[in-house]
């Protein structure tokens, strides 16, 4: 028997063994392109951090916050930096508190040298006369309120006369005129019943003589 005859005698199955009846085969659904892309872009869950590492990290953060708070309170505490005192320079008076030797025809007679008075004031006084008219000069420094000064001298019925203010002394009933210049009160009391206008003019004359 030839080789071709032997091949013709071997039976050949019409279908592979184990695949079953082709009538019972079914199509397996294939994933769509969108499903494949969605599956490929799904995030992979990161590995879970151990509990000990979490607790240690939170503790470290809390310690850093407490340290920052403590530093802020310490560095920002009021009064922590000592203020350097600024040296004070006492201003010299614009002119000495010294009654002049003479004013016009009036010459200084009995006088009292400048001396300290209550509330840190410096005062001076002097009598003046031209032989017939007499006045009393009063100086006080520092003064800043003319009405208060006249009230302390017990001068009443005060009225303005030029730049000065004049009134009658409640103690002696003598006329008095005064003015404050450069924180210095210049008061002139008439000892010869002078008019307010005359005394106010003398206040200006005494001020000019002390410059």
C-alpha atoms as a PDB file:
ATOM      1  CA  UNK A   1       0.000   0.000   0.000  1.00  0.00           C
ATOM      2  CA  UNK A   2       1.332   3.368  -0.948  1.00  0.00           C
ATOM      3  CA  UNK A   3       1.694   6.396   1.398  1.00  0.00           C
ATOM      4  CA  UNK A   4      -1.222   8.168  -0.273  1.00  0.00           C
ATOM      5  CA  UNK A   5      -3.522   5.247   0.365  1.00  0.00           C
ATOM      6  CA  UNK A   6      -2.627   5.214   4.053  1.00  0.00           C
ATOM      7  CA  UNK A   7      -3.505   8.879   4.459  1.00  0.00           C
ATOM      8  CA  UNK A   8      -6.886   8.263   2.904  1.00  0.00           C
ATOM      9  CA  UNK A   9      -7.730   5.634   5.436  1.00  0.00           C
ATOM     10  CA  UNK A  10      -7.207   7.953   8.540  1.00  0.00           C
ATOM     11  CA  UNK A  11     -10.500   9.611   9.586  1.00  0.00           C
ATOM     12  CA  UNK A  12     -10.381  13.392  10.146  1.00  0.00           C
ATOM     13  CA  UNK A  13     -12.664  15.107  12.711  1.00  0.00           C
ATOM     14  CA  UNK A  14     -14.664  17.993  11.347  1.00  0.00           C
ATOM     15  CA  UNK A  15     -14.055  20.016  14.560  1.00  0.00           C
ATOM     16  CA  UNK A  16     -11.294  20.079  17.131  1.00  0.00           C
ATOM     17  CA  UNK A  17     -11.785  17.940  20.179  1.00  0.00           C
ATOM     18  CA  UNK A  18     -13.157  19.683  23.272  1.00  0.00           C
ATOM     19  CA  UNK A  19     -14.679  22.761  21.596  1.00  0.00           C
ATOM     20  CA  UNK A  20     -18.195  21.310  21.603  1.00  0.00           C
ATOM     21  CA  UNK A  21     -20.936  21.950  19.187  1.00  0.00           C
ATOM     22  CA  UNK A  22     -20.445  25.121  17.167  1.00  0.00           C
ATOM     23  CA  UNK A  23     -24.143  25.799  17.537  1.00  0.00           C
ATOM     24  CA  UNK A  24     -23.578  26.335  21.247  1.00  0.00           C
ATOM     25  CA  UNK A  25     -20.710  28.817  20.864  1.00  0.00           C
ATOM     26  CA  UNK A  26     -21.377  32.467  21.986  1.00  0.00           C
ATOM     27  CA  UNK A  27     -19.590  35.727  21.494  1.00  0.00           C
ATOM     28  CA  UNK A  28     -17.623  37.048  24.465  1.00  0.00           C
ATOM     29  CA  UNK A  29     -18.234  40.857  24.805  1.00  0.00           C
ATOM     30  CA  UNK A  30     -15.078  42.923  24.300  1.00  0.00           C
ATOM     31  CA  UNK A  31     -14.513  46.080  26.422  1.00  0.00           C
ATOM     32  CA  UNK A  32     -15.007  49.338  24.601  1.00  0.00           C
ATOM     33  CA  UNK A  33     -12.239  51.900  24.089  1.00  0.00           C
ATOM     34  CA  UNK A  34     -13.747  54.198  26.782  1.00  0.00           C
ATOM     35  CA  UNK A  35     -13.772  51.344  29.318  1.00  0.00           C
ATOM     36  CA  UNK A  36     -10.140  50.535  28.552  1.00  0.00           C
ATOM     37  CA  UNK A  37      -9.117  54.181  29.002  1.00  0.00           C
ATOM     38  CA  UNK A  38     -11.108  54.515  32.251  1.00  0.00           C
ATOM     39  CA  UNK A  39      -9.507  51.373  33.629  1.00  0.00           C
ATOM     40  CA  UNK A  40      -6.020  52.540  32.695  1.00  0.00           C
ATOM     41  CA  UNK A  41      -6.487  55.957  34.360  1.00  0.00           C
ATOM     42  CA  UNK A  42      -7.878  54.646  37.656  1.00  0.00           C
ATOM     43  CA  UNK A  43      -5.664  55.886  40.561  1.00  0.00           C
ATOM     44  CA  UNK A  44      -3.766  53.266  42.363  1.00  0.00           C
ATOM     45  CA  UNK A  45      -4.389  53.439  46.087  1.00  0.00           C
ATOM     46  CA  UNK A  46      -1.190  54.568  47.854  1.00  0.00           C
ATOM     47  CA  UNK A  47       0.214  52.300  50.496  1.00  0.00           C
ATOM     48  CA  UNK A  48      -1.237  52.996  53.921  1.00  0.00           C
ATOM     49  CA  UNK A  49       1.020  54.880  56.388  1.00  0.00           C
ATOM     50  CA  UNK A  50       1.765  53.037  59.625  1.00  0.00           C
ATOM     51  CA  UNK A  51      -0.065  54.370  62.679  1.00  0.00           C
ATOM     52  CA  UNK A  52       3.171  55.059  64.579  1.00  0.00           C
ATOM     53  CA  UNK A  53       4.440  57.295  61.775  1.00  0.00           C
ATOM     54  CA  UNK A  54       1.150  59.254  61.757  1.00  0.00           C
ATOM     55  CA  UNK A  55       1.233  59.850  65.519  1.00  0.00           C
ATOM     56  CA  UNK A  56       4.887  60.872  65.433  1.00  0.00           C
ATOM     57  CA  UNK A  57       4.297  63.370  62.631  1.00  0.00           C
ATOM     58  CA  UNK A  58       1.337  65.003  64.378  1.00  0.00           C
ATOM     59  CA  UNK A  59       3.314  65.284  67.609  1.00  0.00           C
ATOM     60  CA  UNK A  60       6.208  66.975  65.806  1.00  0.00           C
ATOM     61  CA  UNK A  61       3.859  69.487  64.166  1.00  0.00           C
ATOM     62  CA  UNK A  62       2.250  70.293  67.536  1.00  0.00           C
ATOM     63  CA  UNK A  63       5.670  70.874  69.141  1.00  0.00           C
ATOM     64  CA  UNK A  64       6.721  73.211  66.327  1.00  0.00           C
ATOM     65  CA  UNK A  65       3.516  75.248  66.696  1.00  0.00           C
ATOM     66  CA  UNK A  66       3.981  75.558  70.468  1.00  0.00           C
ATOM     67  CA  UNK A  67       7.592  76.671  70.007  1.00  0.00           C
ATOM     68  CA  UNK A  68       6.594  79.291  67.438  1.00  0.00           C
ATOM     69  CA  UNK A  69       3.866  80.604  69.784  1.00  0.00           C
ATOM     70  CA  UNK A  70       6.311  80.813  72.701  1.00  0.00           C
ATOM     71  CA  UNK A  71       8.859  82.699  70.616  1.00  0.00           C
ATOM     72  CA  UNK A  72       6.208  85.131  69.416  1.00  0.00           C
ATOM     73  CA  UNK A  73       5.045  85.889  72.956  1.00  0.00           C
ATOM     74  CA  UNK A  74       8.604  86.252  74.256  1.00  0.00           C
ATOM     75  CA  UNK A  75       9.877  88.516  71.492  1.00  0.00           C
ATOM     76  CA  UNK A  76       6.681  90.560  71.311  1.00  0.00           C
ATOM     77  CA  UNK A  77       6.295  91.113  75.051  1.00  0.00           C
ATOM     78  CA  UNK A  78       5.882  94.851  75.762  1.00  0.00           C
ATOM     79  CA  UNK A  79       8.654  96.355  77.788  1.00  0.00           C
ATOM     80  CA  UNK A  80      11.178  93.716  76.754  1.00  0.00           C
ATOM     81  CA  UNK A  81      13.304  96.418  75.107  1.00  0.00           C
ATOM     82  CA  UNK A  82      14.534  99.132  77.404  1.00  0.00           C
ATOM     83  CA  UNK A  83      13.808 102.609  76.106  1.00  0.00           C
ATOM     84  CA  UNK A  84      16.843 104.845  76.006  1.00  0.00           C
ATOM     85  CA  UNK A  85      15.986 108.014  77.938  1.00  0.00           C
ATOM     86  CA  UNK A  86      16.260 111.156  75.889  1.00  0.00           C
ATOM     87  CA  UNK A  87      18.323 113.781  77.637  1.00  0.00           C
ATOM     88  CA  UNK A  88      16.315 116.897  78.368  1.00  0.00           C
ATOM     89  CA  UNK A  89      17.849 120.258  77.683  1.00  0.00           C
ATOM     90  CA  UNK A  90      16.547 123.053  79.876  1.00  0.00           C
ATOM     91  CA  UNK A  91      15.859 126.181  77.887  1.00  0.00           C
ATOM     92  CA  UNK A  92      17.417 129.364  79.175  1.00  0.00           C
ATOM     93  CA  UNK A  93      14.995 132.187  80.011  1.00  0.00           C
ATOM     94  CA  UNK A  94      14.772 134.754  77.194  1.00  0.00           C
ATOM     95  CA  UNK A  95      15.837 137.513  79.605  1.00  0.00           C
ATOM     96  CA  UNK A  96      16.916 137.683  83.272  1.00  0.00           C
ATOM     97  CA  UNK A  97      14.277 138.260  85.925  1.00  0.00           C
ATOM     98  CA  UNK A  98      15.936 141.403  87.249  1.00  0.00           C
ATOM     99  CA  UNK A  99      14.148 144.743  87.759  1.00  0.00           C
ATOM    100  CA  UNK A 100      15.841 147.502  85.723  1.00  0.00           C
ATOM    101  CA  UNK A 101      17.765 150.312  87.391  1.00  0.00           C
ATOM    102  CA  UNK A 102      15.541 152.997  85.910  1.00  0.00           C
ATOM    103  CA  UNK A 103      12.605 153.472  83.553  1.00  0.00           C
ATOM    104  CA  UNK A 104      12.277 156.971  82.091  1.00  0.00           C
ATOM    105  CA  UNK A 105      12.441 159.415  85.007  1.00  0.00           C
ATOM    106  CA  UNK A 106      11.611 156.710  87.536  1.00  0.00           C
ATOM    107  CA  UNK A 107      14.544 155.264  89.491  1.00  0.00           C
ATOM    108  CA  UNK A 108      14.622 151.982  91.371  1.00  0.00           C
ATOM    109  CA  UNK A 109      14.562 152.330  95.127  1.00  0.00           C
ATOM    110  CA  UNK A 110      13.965 149.532  97.609  1.00  0.00           C
ATOM    111  CA  UNK A 111      13.972 146.156  95.909  1.00  0.00           C
ATOM    112  CA  UNK A 112      14.025 142.426  96.619  1.00  0.00           C
ATOM    113  CA  UNK A 113      16.339 140.103  94.678  1.00  0.00           C
ATOM    114  CA  UNK A 114      14.751 137.291  92.692  1.00  0.00           C
ATOM    115  CA  UNK A 115      13.802 134.408  94.971  1.00  0.00           C
ATOM    116  CA  UNK A 116      11.966 131.090  94.778  1.00  0.00           C
ATOM    117  CA  UNK A 117       8.254 130.941  95.473  1.00  0.00           C
ATOM    118  CA  UNK A 118       5.726 128.101  95.845  1.00  0.00           C
ATOM    119  CA  UNK A 119       4.990 125.940  92.767  1.00  0.00           C
ATOM    120  CA  UNK A 120       8.529 126.476  91.460  1.00  0.00           C
ATOM    121  CA  UNK A 121       8.025 130.124  90.604  1.00  0.00           C
ATOM    122  CA  UNK A 122      10.711 132.788  90.668  1.00  0.00           C
ATOM    123  CA  UNK A 123       9.636 136.256  91.818  1.00  0.00           C
ATOM    124  CA  UNK A 124      11.171 139.718  92.114  1.00  0.00           C
ATOM    125  CA  UNK A 125       9.933 143.148  93.197  1.00  0.00           C
ATOM    126  CA  UNK A 126      11.098 146.748  93.343  1.00  0.00           C
ATOM    127  CA  UNK A 127       9.786 150.243  94.140  1.00  0.00           C
ATOM    128  CA  UNK A 128      10.218 153.124  91.675  1.00  0.00           C
ATOM    129  CA  UNK A 129       9.800 156.890  92.051  1.00  0.00           C
ATOM    130  CA  UNK A 130      10.488 160.061  90.074  1.00  0.00           C
ATOM    131  CA  UNK A 131      10.259 162.222  93.198  1.00  0.00           C
ATOM    132  CA  UNK A 132       6.489 162.573  93.208  1.00  0.00           C
ATOM    133  CA  UNK A 133       4.951 159.477  91.582  1.00  0.00           C
ATOM    134  CA  UNK A 134       5.601 156.046  93.007  1.00  0.00           C
ATOM    135  CA  UNK A 135       4.879 152.559  91.651  1.00  0.00           C
ATOM    136  CA  UNK A 136       5.612 148.966  92.660  1.00  0.00           C
ATOM    137  CA  UNK A 137       6.940 146.470  90.079  1.00  0.00           C
ATOM    138  CA  UNK A 138       6.160 142.758  90.561  1.00  0.00           C
ATOM    139  CA  UNK A 139       7.720 139.991  88.406  1.00  0.00           C
ATOM    140  CA  UNK A 140       6.824 136.286  88.451  1.00  0.00           C
ATOM    141  CA  UNK A 141       8.022 133.357  86.256  1.00  0.00           C
ATOM    142  CA  UNK A 142       6.753 131.026  84.967  1.00  0.00           C
ATOM    143  CA  UNK A 143       3.178 132.162  84.435  1.00  0.00           C
ATOM    144  CA  UNK A 144       0.841 131.159  81.603  1.00  0.00           C
ATOM    145  CA  UNK A 145      -2.604 132.485  82.591  1.00  0.00           C
ATOM    146  CA  UNK A 146      -3.058 136.192  83.276  1.00  0.00           C
ATOM    147  CA  UNK A 147      -6.509 135.846  84.816  1.00  0.00           C
ATOM    148  CA  UNK A 148      -5.266 133.221  87.292  1.00  0.00           C
ATOM    149  CA  UNK A 149      -2.276 135.420  88.146  1.00  0.00           C
ATOM    150  CA  UNK A 150      -4.476 138.446  88.876  1.00  0.00           C
ATOM    151  CA  UNK A 151      -6.838 136.254  90.900  1.00  0.00           C
ATOM    152  CA  UNK A 152      -3.901 135.105  93.044  1.00  0.00           C
ATOM    153  CA  UNK A 153      -3.019 138.772  93.608  1.00  0.00           C
ATOM    154  CA  UNK A 154      -6.662 139.331  94.625  1.00  0.00           C
ATOM    155  CA  UNK A 155      -7.197 141.869  91.838  1.00  0.00           C
ATOM    156  CA  UNK A 156     -10.886 142.439  91.153  1.00  0.00           C
ATOM    157  CA  UNK A 157     -13.017 144.291  88.599  1.00  0.00           C
ATOM    158  CA  UNK A 158     -10.544 143.345  85.882  1.00  0.00           C
ATOM    159  CA  UNK A 159     -10.754 145.031  82.479  1.00  0.00           C
ATOM    160  CA  UNK A 160      -8.573 145.050  79.397  1.00  0.00           C
ATOM    161  CA  UNK A 161      -6.440 148.111  78.742  1.00  0.00           C
ATOM    162  CA  UNK A 162      -4.425 147.654  75.557  1.00  0.00           C
ATOM    163  CA  UNK A 163      -2.415 144.432  75.844  1.00  0.00           C
ATOM    164  CA  UNK A 164      -2.637 144.519  79.650  1.00  0.00           C
ATOM    165  CA  UNK A 165      -5.422 143.810  82.098  1.00  0.00           C
ATOM    166  CA  UNK A 166      -6.106 146.124  85.014  1.00  0.00           C
ATOM    167  CA  UNK A 167      -8.146 146.053  88.208  1.00  0.00           C
ATOM    168  CA  UNK A 168      -8.262 147.075  91.842  1.00  0.00           C
ATOM    169  CA  UNK A 169      -6.457 145.196  94.603  1.00  0.00           C
ATOM    170  CA  UNK A 170      -8.962 143.812  97.110  1.00  0.00           C
ATOM    171  CA  UNK A 171      -6.369 144.097  99.895  1.00  0.00           C
ATOM    172  CA  UNK A 172      -4.964 147.628  99.345  1.00  0.00           C
ATOM    173  CA  UNK A 173      -7.529 149.221  96.993  1.00  0.00           C
ATOM    174  CA  UNK A 174      -4.621 150.201  94.727  1.00  0.00           C
ATOM    175  CA  UNK A 175      -4.847 150.035  90.922  1.00  0.00           C
ATOM    176  CA  UNK A 176      -2.849 147.208  89.298  1.00  0.00           C
ATOM    177  CA  UNK A 177      -2.069 146.461  85.650  1.00  0.00           C
ATOM    178  CA  UNK A 178      -0.347 143.313  84.425  1.00  0.00           C
ATOM    179  CA  UNK A 179       0.668 141.410  81.300  1.00  0.00           C
ATOM    180  CA  UNK A 180       2.310 138.031  80.637  1.00  0.00           C
ATOM    181  CA  UNK A 181       5.219 137.996  78.169  1.00  0.00           C
ATOM    182  CA  UNK A 182       7.590 135.044  77.626  1.00  0.00           C
ATOM    183  CA  UNK A 183       5.897 133.180  80.518  1.00  0.00           C
ATOM    184  CA  UNK A 184       6.730 136.116  82.778  1.00  0.00           C
ATOM    185  CA  UNK A 185       4.095 138.164  84.569  1.00  0.00           C
ATOM    186  CA  UNK A 186       4.885 141.906  84.696  1.00  0.00           C
ATOM    187  CA  UNK A 187       2.611 143.747  87.131  1.00  0.00           C
ATOM    188  CA  UNK A 188       2.719 147.427  88.098  1.00  0.00           C
ATOM    189  CA  UNK A 189       0.793 148.712  91.119  1.00  0.00           C
ATOM    190  CA  UNK A 190       0.156 152.456  91.397  1.00  0.00           C
ATOM    191  CA  UNK A 191       1.104 153.907  94.792  1.00  0.00           C
ATOM    192  CA  UNK A 192       0.049 157.431  93.830  1.00  0.00           C
ATOM    193  CA  UNK A 193      -3.490 156.778  92.567  1.00  0.00           C
ATOM    194  CA  UNK A 194      -2.491 156.520  88.902  1.00  0.00           C
ATOM    195  CA  UNK A 195      -4.974 155.779  86.154  1.00  0.00           C
ATOM    196  CA  UNK A 196      -5.117 152.350  84.480  1.00  0.00           C
ATOM    197  CA  UNK A 197      -3.833 153.811  81.198  1.00  0.00           C
ATOM    198  CA  UNK A 198      -0.692 155.158  82.906  1.00  0.00           C
ATOM    199  CA  UNK A 199       0.042 151.830  84.607  1.00  0.00           C
ATOM    200  CA  UNK A 200      -0.543 149.834  81.404  1.00  0.00           C
ATOM    201  CA  UNK A 201       1.971 152.087  79.622  1.00  0.00           C
ATOM    202  CA  UNK A 202       4.498 151.532  82.412  1.00  0.00           C
ATOM    203  CA  UNK A 203       4.133 147.734  81.985  1.00  0.00           C
ATOM    204  CA  UNK A 204       5.351 148.110  78.386  1.00  0.00           C
ATOM    205  CA  UNK A 205       8.179 150.428  79.490  1.00  0.00           C
ATOM    206  CA  UNK A 206       9.424 147.997  82.147  1.00  0.00           C
ATOM    207  CA  UNK A 207       9.365 145.102  79.664  1.00  0.00           C
ATOM    208  CA  UNK A 208      11.390 147.099  77.118  1.00  0.00           C
ATOM    209  CA  UNK A 209      13.942 148.065  79.816  1.00  0.00           C
ATOM    210  CA  UNK A 210      14.548 144.409  80.768  1.00  0.00           C
ATOM    211  CA  UNK A 211      15.415 143.268  77.221  1.00  0.00           C
END
